[in-house]
C-alpha atoms as a PDB file:
ATOM      1  CA  MET A   1     -14.655 -39.898-197.756  1.00  0.00           C
ATOM      2  CA  GLU A   2     -15.674 -41.928-194.664  1.00  0.00           C
ATOM      3  CA  LEU A   3     -19.230 -41.076-193.649  1.00  0.00           C
ATOM      4  CA  THR A   4     -18.812 -41.589-189.902  1.00  0.00           C
ATOM      5  CA  SER A   5     -16.194 -38.768-189.803  1.00  0.00           C
ATOM      6  CA  TYR A   6     -18.127 -36.325-192.194  1.00  0.00           C
ATOM      7  CA  SER A   7     -19.014 -32.879-190.813  1.00  0.00           C
ATOM      8  CA  PRO A   8     -21.598 -31.221-192.946  1.00  0.00           C
ATOM      9  CA  GLY A   9     -20.249 -27.759-192.355  1.00  0.00           C
ATOM     10  CA  LEU A  10     -19.975 -24.546-190.436  1.00  0.00           C
ATOM     11  CA  HIS A  11     -23.051 -22.302-190.105  1.00  0.00           C
ATOM     12  CA  LYS A  12     -22.092 -18.879-188.715  1.00  0.00           C
ATOM     13  CA  LEU A  13     -24.828 -16.417-187.620  1.00  0.00           C
ATOM     14  CA  VAL A  14     -24.306 -12.882-186.454  1.00  0.00           C
ATOM     15  CA  THR A  15     -26.224  -9.811-185.270  1.00  0.00           C
ATOM     16  CA  LEU A  16     -24.579  -6.545-186.069  1.00  0.00           C
ATOM     17  CA  SER A  17     -25.017  -3.047-184.919  1.00  0.00           C
ATOM     18  CA  VAL A  18     -24.194  -0.775-187.953  1.00  0.00           C
ATOM     19  CA  PRO A  19     -23.312   2.903-187.160  1.00  0.00           C
ATOM     20  CA  ASP A  20     -24.102   4.071-190.737  1.00  0.00           C
ATOM     21  CA  SER A  21     -27.623   2.900-191.723  1.00  0.00           C
ATOM     22  CA  SER A  22     -27.157   3.737-195.450  1.00  0.00           C
ATOM     23  CA  LYS A  23     -25.796   0.234-196.219  1.00  0.00           C
ATOM     24  CA  LEU A  24     -28.864  -1.207-194.382  1.00  0.00           C
ATOM     25  CA  THR A  25     -31.059   0.343-197.149  1.00  0.00           C
ATOM     26  CA  ASN A  26     -28.941  -0.542-200.137  1.00  0.00           C
ATOM     27  CA  SER A  27     -29.803  -4.000-201.259  1.00  0.00           C
ATOM     28  CA  ALA A  28     -28.147  -3.441-204.666  1.00  0.00           C
ATOM     29  CA  GLY A  29     -24.928  -2.524-203.016  1.00  0.00           C
ATOM     30  CA  PHE A  30     -25.047  -5.606-200.853  1.00  0.00           C
ATOM     31  CA  MET A  31     -25.545  -7.894-203.776  1.00  0.00           C
ATOM     32  CA  ALA A  32     -22.694  -6.299-205.655  1.00  0.00           C
ATOM     33  CA  PHE A  33     -20.443  -6.863-202.697  1.00  0.00           C
ATOM     34  CA  THR A  34     -21.740 -10.351-202.345  1.00  0.00           C
ATOM     35  CA  ASP A  35     -21.013 -11.209-205.982  1.00  0.00           C
ATOM     36  CA  ALA A  36     -17.412 -10.035-205.441  1.00  0.00           C
ATOM     37  CA  VAL A  37     -17.048 -12.045-202.305  1.00  0.00           C
ATOM     38  CA  LEU A  38     -18.434 -15.121-204.126  1.00  0.00           C
ATOM     39  CA  GLN A  39     -15.997 -14.626-206.900  1.00  0.00           C
ATOM     40  CA  GLN A  40     -12.993 -14.168-204.586  1.00  0.00           C
ATOM     41  CA  HIS A  41     -13.825 -17.350-202.765  1.00  0.00           C
ATOM     42  CA  ALA A  42     -14.725 -19.478-205.782  1.00  0.00           C
ATOM     43  CA  LEU A  43     -18.372 -19.982-204.618  1.00  0.00           C
ATOM     44  CA  GLU A  44     -21.157 -20.609-207.037  1.00  0.00           C
ATOM     45  CA  LYS A  45     -24.415 -18.573-206.851  1.00  0.00           C
ATOM     46  CA  VAL A  46     -27.451 -20.666-208.091  1.00  0.00           C
ATOM     47  CA  GLY A  47     -30.036 -17.985-207.337  1.00  0.00           C
ATOM     48  CA  ALA A  48     -31.021 -14.972-205.124  1.00  0.00           C
ATOM     49  CA  VAL A  49     -34.219 -13.526-203.857  1.00  0.00           C
ATOM     50  CA  VAL A  50     -34.228  -9.861-202.947  1.00  0.00           C
ATOM     51  CA  HIS A  51     -37.024  -8.160-201.169  1.00  0.00           C
ATOM     52  CA  ASP A  52     -36.976  -4.348-200.341  1.00  0.00           C
ATOM     53  CA  PHE A  53     -39.503  -3.147-197.748  1.00  0.00           C
ATOM     54  CA  GLU A  54     -41.348   0.130-197.674  1.00  0.00           C
ATOM     55  CA  ASN A  55     -38.784   1.630-195.219  1.00  0.00           C
ATOM     56  CA  ASP A  56     -35.902   0.582-197.614  1.00  0.00           C
ATOM     57  CA  SER A  57     -34.867  -2.281-195.366  1.00  0.00           C
ATOM     58  CA  PHE A  58     -34.257  -5.552-197.162  1.00  0.00           C
ATOM     59  CA  THR A  59     -34.096  -9.201-196.833  1.00  0.00           C
ATOM     60  CA  ILE A  60     -32.033 -11.342-199.220  1.00  0.00           C
ATOM     61  CA  ALA A  61     -31.434 -15.108-199.625  1.00  0.00           C
ATOM     62  CA  VAL A  62     -28.537 -16.128-201.822  1.00  0.00           C
ATOM     63  CA  CYS A  63     -28.543 -19.757-202.638  1.00  0.00           C
ATOM     64  CA  LEU A  64     -25.194 -21.231-203.345  1.00  0.00           C
ATOM     65  CA  LYS A  65     -24.058 -24.554-204.747  1.00  0.00           C
ATOM     66  CA  GLU A  66     -22.314 -24.917-201.452  1.00  0.00           C
ATOM     67  CA  SER A  67     -25.355 -23.707-199.297  1.00  0.00           C
ATOM     68  CA  HIS A  68     -26.566 -20.120-198.632  1.00  0.00           C
ATOM     69  CA  ILE A  69     -26.045 -16.544-197.352  1.00  0.00           C
ATOM     70  CA  CYS A  70     -29.041 -14.745-195.814  1.00  0.00           C
ATOM     71  CA  ILE A  71     -29.451 -11.174-194.427  1.00  0.00           C
ATOM     72  CA  HIS A  72     -32.252  -9.223-192.869  1.00  0.00           C
ATOM     73  CA  THR A  73     -31.751  -5.441-192.063  1.00  0.00           C
ATOM     74  CA  TRP A  74     -33.389  -3.097-189.681  1.00  0.00           C
ATOM     75  CA  PRO A  75     -32.245   0.545-190.374  1.00  0.00           C
ATOM     76  CA  GLU A  76     -34.603   1.967-187.877  1.00  0.00           C
ATOM     77  CA  PHE A  77     -32.595   0.015-185.194  1.00  0.00           C
ATOM     78  CA  ASN A  78     -29.153   0.174-187.017  1.00  0.00           C
ATOM     79  CA  GLN A  79     -29.047  -3.556-186.926  1.00  0.00           C
ATOM     80  CA  LEU A  80     -28.910  -6.596-189.208  1.00  0.00           C
ATOM     81  CA  THR A  81     -28.845 -10.349-188.920  1.00  0.00           C
ATOM     82  CA  LEU A  82     -26.697 -12.412-191.221  1.00  0.00           C
ATOM     83  CA  ASP A  83     -25.901 -16.072-191.733  1.00  0.00           C
ATOM     84  CA  VAL A  84     -23.409 -17.899-193.797  1.00  0.00           C
ATOM     85  CA  TYR A  85     -23.446 -21.694-194.226  1.00  0.00           C
ATOM     86  CA  LEU A  86     -21.165 -23.639-196.563  1.00  0.00           C
ATOM     87  CA  CYS A  87     -21.191 -27.427-196.656  1.00  0.00           C
ATOM     88  CA  ASN A  88     -18.070 -29.507-196.595  1.00  0.00           C
ATOM     89  CA  TYR A  89     -19.017 -32.019-199.149  1.00  0.00           C
ATOM     90  CA  LEU A  90     -15.843 -31.944-201.295  1.00  0.00           C
ATOM     91  CA  GLN A  91     -13.598 -29.869-198.910  1.00  0.00           C
ATOM     92  CA  ASP A  92     -13.489 -28.341-195.480  1.00  0.00           C
ATOM     93  CA  ASN A  93     -14.982 -24.811-195.881  1.00  0.00           C
ATOM     94  CA  THR A  94     -14.766 -23.889-192.231  1.00  0.00           C
ATOM     95  CA  GLN A  95     -12.113 -21.161-192.723  1.00  0.00           C
ATOM     96  CA  LYS A  96     -13.928 -19.888-195.856  1.00  0.00           C
ATOM     97  CA  VAL A  97     -17.089 -19.342-193.721  1.00  0.00           C
ATOM     98  CA  LYS A  98     -15.102 -17.372-191.186  1.00  0.00           C
ATOM     99  CA  ALA A  99     -13.392 -15.192-193.821  1.00  0.00           C
ATOM    100  CA  VAL A 100     -16.728 -14.486-195.734  1.00  0.00           C
ATOM    101  CA  MET A 101     -18.327 -13.446-192.510  1.00  0.00           C
ATOM    102  CA  ALA A 102     -15.410 -11.250-191.535  1.00  0.00           C
ATOM    103  CA  GLN A 103     -15.638  -9.514-194.900  1.00  0.00           C
ATOM    104  CA  TYR A 104     -19.262  -8.728-194.345  1.00  0.00           C
ATOM    105  CA  VAL A 105     -18.537  -7.319-190.833  1.00  0.00           C
ATOM    106  CA  GLU A 106     -15.927  -5.117-192.389  1.00  0.00           C
ATOM    107  CA  TYR A 107     -18.281  -4.081-195.289  1.00  0.00           C
ATOM    108  CA  PHE A 108     -20.864  -2.936-192.761  1.00  0.00           C
ATOM    109  CA  GLN A 109     -18.185  -1.568-190.294  1.00  0.00           C
ATOM    110  CA  GLY A 110     -20.343  -3.591-187.828  1.00  0.00           C
ATOM    111  CA  ILE A 111     -20.068  -4.106-184.192  1.00  0.00           C
ATOM    112  CA  VAL A 112     -20.869  -7.719-183.353  1.00  0.00           C
ATOM    113  CA  LEU A 113     -23.811  -8.016-180.829  1.00  0.00           C
ATOM    114  CA  LYS A 114     -24.307 -11.769-181.164  1.00  0.00           C
ATOM    115  CA  ASP A 115     -22.090 -14.430-182.848  1.00  0.00           C
ATOM    116  CA  PHE A 116     -23.004 -18.098-183.134  1.00  0.00           C
ATOM    117  CA  GLU A 117     -21.167 -20.957-184.770  1.00  0.00           C
ATOM    118  CA  ILE A 118     -22.908 -24.149-185.294  1.00  0.00           C
ATOM    119  CA  ASN A 119     -20.947 -27.179-186.596  1.00  0.00           C
ATOM    120  CA  ARG A 120     -23.634 -29.067-188.561  1.00  0.00           C
END
């Protein structure tokens, strides 16, 4: 791999409006869905930190061999922020990042309020 042409990867960040706030208070459901997504896309989880707040909102950071997935929920506002970043060390994961994010948007039946793509 030629270093001068290496692109570290795509980092996709979204803010979603979520009509049904029940998924914004179900960290276990999010983790189960995430585990299925990781298996489907052959991504390797190396660890996860889950924190549930007093109002049942949650923040989760999933560390991957390929990088990370992070989420923060605000059920009182029916919103969440989510970011997915996969590095391109051994292969171009650009389309995989987009597919994973699309699966999360579908899971939450979210309306995209903000959508950023950063090519690292």
